[in-house]
N, C-alpha and C. Protein backbone atom coordinates (compact mmCIF):
# COMPACT_ATOMS: atom_id res chain seq x y z
N UNK A 1 0.80 -1.22 0.02
CA UNK A 1 -0.01 0.03 0.05
C UNK A 1 0.85 1.25 -0.02
N UNK A 2 2.14 1.09 -0.03
CA UNK A 2 3.14 2.23 -0.04
C UNK A 2 2.90 3.11 -1.24
N UNK A 3 2.65 2.46 -2.39
CA UNK A 3 2.40 3.26 -3.63
C UNK A 3 1.12 4.04 -3.49
N UNK A 4 0.10 3.47 -2.95
CA UNK A 4 -1.18 4.18 -2.78
C UNK A 4 -1.00 5.37 -1.85
N UNK A 5 -0.22 5.32 -0.83
CA UNK A 5 -0.04 6.46 0.08
C UNK A 5 0.75 7.50 -0.65
N UNK A 6 1.69 7.19 -1.50
CA UNK A 6 2.42 8.22 -2.28
C UNK A 6 1.50 8.89 -3.26
N UNK A 7 0.59 8.14 -3.90
CA UNK A 7 -0.32 8.78 -4.81
C UNK A 7 -1.33 9.65 -4.01
N UNK A 8 -1.74 9.31 -2.93
CA UNK A 8 -2.65 10.19 -2.06
C UNK A 8 -1.87 11.43 -1.71
N UNK A 9 -0.62 11.29 -1.31
CA UNK A 9 0.12 12.47 -0.86
C UNK A 9 0.35 13.43 -2.08
N UNK A 10 0.70 12.87 -3.25
CA UNK A 10 0.97 13.72 -4.37
C UNK A 10 -0.27 14.43 -4.98
N UNK A 11 -1.37 13.72 -4.91
CA UNK A 11 -2.62 14.33 -5.47
C UNK A 11 -3.48 15.08 -4.44
N UNK A 12 -3.33 14.80 -3.20
CA UNK A 12 -4.11 15.38 -2.15
C UNK A 12 -5.47 14.83 -2.04
N UNK A 13 -5.67 13.63 -2.63
CA UNK A 13 -6.89 12.96 -2.56
C UNK A 13 -6.70 11.51 -2.05
N UNK A 14 -7.81 10.95 -1.40
CA UNK A 14 -7.66 9.58 -1.04
C UNK A 14 -7.96 8.71 -2.21
N UNK A 15 -7.67 7.42 -2.05
CA UNK A 15 -7.76 6.48 -3.19
C UNK A 15 -9.25 6.35 -3.72
N UNK A 16 -10.25 6.41 -2.82
CA UNK A 16 -11.59 6.40 -3.22
C UNK A 16 -12.00 7.56 -4.08
N UNK A 17 -11.51 8.71 -3.67
CA UNK A 17 -11.81 9.95 -4.52
C UNK A 17 -11.08 9.87 -5.85
N UNK A 18 -9.89 9.29 -5.87
CA UNK A 18 -9.14 9.19 -7.20
C UNK A 18 -9.89 8.27 -8.14
N UNK A 19 -10.44 7.17 -7.65
CA UNK A 19 -11.20 6.24 -8.47
C UNK A 19 -12.44 6.89 -9.03
N UNK A 20 -13.02 7.88 -8.23
CA UNK A 20 -14.25 8.51 -8.75
C UNK A 20 -14.05 9.63 -9.73
N UNK A 21 -12.85 10.13 -9.88
CA UNK A 21 -12.53 11.20 -10.79
C UNK A 21 -12.41 10.69 -12.20
N UNK A 22 -12.96 11.45 -13.17
CA UNK A 22 -12.70 11.16 -14.54
C UNK A 22 -11.30 11.63 -14.91
N UNK A 23 -10.70 11.16 -16.08
CA UNK A 23 -9.40 11.60 -16.37
C UNK A 23 -9.30 13.11 -16.55
N UNK A 24 -10.37 13.72 -17.12
CA UNK A 24 -10.38 15.14 -17.34
C UNK A 24 -10.37 15.88 -15.98
N UNK A 25 -11.27 15.41 -15.11
CA UNK A 25 -11.34 16.04 -13.80
C UNK A 25 -10.07 15.92 -12.99
N UNK A 26 -9.43 14.74 -13.11
CA UNK A 26 -8.14 14.50 -12.39
C UNK A 26 -7.07 15.45 -12.97
N UNK A 27 -7.05 15.59 -14.31
CA UNK A 27 -6.09 16.53 -14.94
C UNK A 27 -6.26 17.93 -14.43
N UNK A 28 -7.54 18.38 -14.33
CA UNK A 28 -7.83 19.71 -13.90
C UNK A 28 -7.40 19.93 -12.38
N UNK A 29 -7.72 18.89 -11.59
CA UNK A 29 -7.35 18.97 -10.18
C UNK A 29 -5.84 19.10 -10.03
N UNK A 30 -5.05 18.26 -10.76
CA UNK A 30 -3.65 18.25 -10.60
C UNK A 30 -3.04 19.59 -11.07
N UNK A 31 -3.59 20.13 -12.23
CA UNK A 31 -3.07 21.40 -12.68
C UNK A 31 -3.42 22.54 -11.70
N UNK A 32 -4.58 22.53 -11.08
CA UNK A 32 -4.89 23.57 -10.08
C UNK A 32 -4.04 23.42 -8.85
N UNK A 33 -3.79 22.21 -8.44
CA UNK A 33 -2.94 22.02 -7.18
C UNK A 33 -1.49 22.36 -7.47
N UNK A 34 -0.95 21.96 -8.61
CA UNK A 34 0.47 22.29 -8.94
C UNK A 34 0.69 23.65 -9.59
N UNK A 35 -0.37 24.27 -10.00
CA UNK A 35 -0.31 25.57 -10.73
C UNK A 35 0.62 25.40 -12.00
N UNK A 36 0.61 24.23 -12.55
CA UNK A 36 1.29 23.98 -13.82
C UNK A 36 0.44 23.20 -14.76
N UNK A 37 0.59 23.57 -16.02
CA UNK A 37 -0.20 22.86 -17.07
C UNK A 37 0.43 21.45 -17.34
N UNK A 38 -0.39 20.43 -17.45
CA UNK A 38 0.10 19.06 -17.82
C UNK A 38 0.19 19.03 -19.28
N UNK A 39 1.38 18.62 -19.75
CA UNK A 39 1.63 18.48 -21.15
C UNK A 39 1.82 17.04 -21.47
N UNK A 40 1.27 16.58 -22.58
CA UNK A 40 1.51 15.28 -23.09
C UNK A 40 2.65 15.41 -24.15
N UNK A 41 3.70 14.63 -23.94
CA UNK A 41 4.88 14.74 -24.90
C UNK A 41 5.16 13.33 -25.40
N UNK A 42 5.77 13.32 -26.55
CA UNK A 42 6.25 12.06 -27.07
C UNK A 42 7.64 12.24 -27.65
N UNK A 43 8.38 11.20 -27.57
CA UNK A 43 9.75 11.20 -28.22
C UNK A 43 9.56 10.61 -29.63
N UNK A 44 10.13 11.30 -30.65
CA UNK A 44 10.05 10.77 -32.00
C UNK A 44 10.87 9.58 -32.14
N UNK A 45 10.53 8.58 -32.94
CA UNK A 45 9.21 8.41 -33.50
C UNK A 45 8.32 7.56 -32.50
N UNK A 46 7.18 8.05 -32.16
CA UNK A 46 6.29 7.37 -31.28
C UNK A 46 4.95 7.19 -32.10
N UNK A 47 4.76 6.09 -32.72
CA UNK A 47 3.64 5.83 -33.60
C UNK A 47 2.44 5.62 -32.68
N UNK A 48 1.37 6.22 -33.12
CA UNK A 48 0.07 6.06 -32.39
C UNK A 48 -0.41 7.36 -31.75
N UNK A 49 0.44 8.41 -31.66
CA UNK A 49 -0.01 9.67 -31.13
C UNK A 49 -0.65 10.50 -32.19
N UNK A 50 -0.55 10.11 -33.43
CA UNK A 50 -1.20 10.76 -34.49
C UNK A 50 -0.26 11.83 -35.16
N UNK A 51 0.90 12.03 -34.73
CA UNK A 51 1.72 13.02 -35.35
C UNK A 51 2.77 12.45 -36.34
N UNK A 52 2.93 11.13 -36.42
CA UNK A 52 3.94 10.52 -37.23
C UNK A 52 3.35 10.07 -38.56
N UNK A 53 2.16 9.52 -38.57
CA UNK A 53 1.65 8.89 -39.73
C UNK A 53 0.74 9.89 -40.56
N UNK A 54 0.88 11.18 -40.32
CA UNK A 54 0.10 12.13 -41.20
C UNK A 54 0.97 12.58 -42.32
N UNK A 55 0.35 13.42 -43.16
CA UNK A 55 1.13 13.96 -44.31
C UNK A 55 2.26 14.87 -43.78
N UNK A 56 2.05 15.50 -42.62
CA UNK A 56 3.11 16.37 -42.11
C UNK A 56 3.04 16.30 -40.56
N UNK A 57 4.06 16.78 -39.91
CA UNK A 57 4.06 16.84 -38.43
C UNK A 57 3.11 17.85 -37.88
N UNK A 58 2.51 17.56 -36.78
CA UNK A 58 1.71 18.60 -36.08
C UNK A 58 2.42 18.96 -34.78
N UNK A 59 2.00 20.14 -34.31
CA UNK A 59 2.71 20.66 -33.08
C UNK A 59 2.20 19.94 -31.82
N UNK A 60 3.01 20.16 -30.75
CA UNK A 60 2.56 19.69 -29.44
C UNK A 60 1.19 20.29 -28.98
N UNK A 61 1.09 21.53 -29.34
CA UNK A 61 -0.17 22.23 -28.97
C UNK A 61 -1.36 21.58 -29.62
N UNK A 62 -1.22 21.27 -30.91
CA UNK A 62 -2.31 20.56 -31.68
C UNK A 62 -2.60 19.18 -31.02
N UNK A 63 -1.58 18.45 -30.72
CA UNK A 63 -1.74 17.17 -30.13
C UNK A 63 -2.51 17.30 -28.78
N UNK A 64 -2.08 18.24 -27.97
CA UNK A 64 -2.70 18.47 -26.63
C UNK A 64 -4.17 18.85 -26.84
N UNK A 65 -4.50 19.62 -27.91
CA UNK A 65 -5.96 19.97 -28.12
C UNK A 65 -6.73 18.75 -28.42
N UNK A 66 -6.21 17.84 -29.31
CA UNK A 66 -6.89 16.56 -29.58
C UNK A 66 -7.05 15.72 -28.33
N UNK A 67 -6.05 15.67 -27.51
CA UNK A 67 -6.21 14.87 -26.28
C UNK A 67 -7.24 15.54 -25.29
N UNK A 68 -7.27 16.82 -25.21
CA UNK A 68 -8.29 17.45 -24.37
C UNK A 68 -9.63 17.13 -24.86
N UNK A 69 -9.83 17.14 -26.20
CA UNK A 69 -11.13 16.80 -26.77
C UNK A 69 -11.57 15.32 -26.48
N UNK A 70 -10.56 14.47 -26.53
CA UNK A 70 -10.88 13.01 -26.23
C UNK A 70 -11.17 12.89 -24.72
N UNK A 71 -10.41 13.58 -23.86
CA UNK A 71 -10.65 13.45 -22.41
C UNK A 71 -12.00 14.10 -22.02
N UNK A 72 -12.43 15.20 -22.75
CA UNK A 72 -13.69 15.76 -22.43
C UNK A 72 -14.90 14.93 -22.76
N UNK A 73 -14.68 13.94 -23.71
CA UNK A 73 -15.72 12.99 -24.12
C UNK A 73 -15.88 11.82 -23.16
N UNK A 74 -14.79 11.68 -22.32
CA UNK A 74 -14.74 10.44 -21.45
C UNK A 74 -15.73 10.50 -20.30
């Protein structure tokens, strides 16, 4: 249970609350708590993020917008 206690300490929530949060709500909570924006990054070439198999590369900002849209539907 050591891992669970570390997660609780880092998020400020107990495990029951963490399980109840949606991914979007958890991201918002962590950003508000840390006062930092969470960025999704990938090291090239990381197939599956959508930026490698297109006609051209897309920016990190565009990838994050797509991920935000996906998380808002969850």
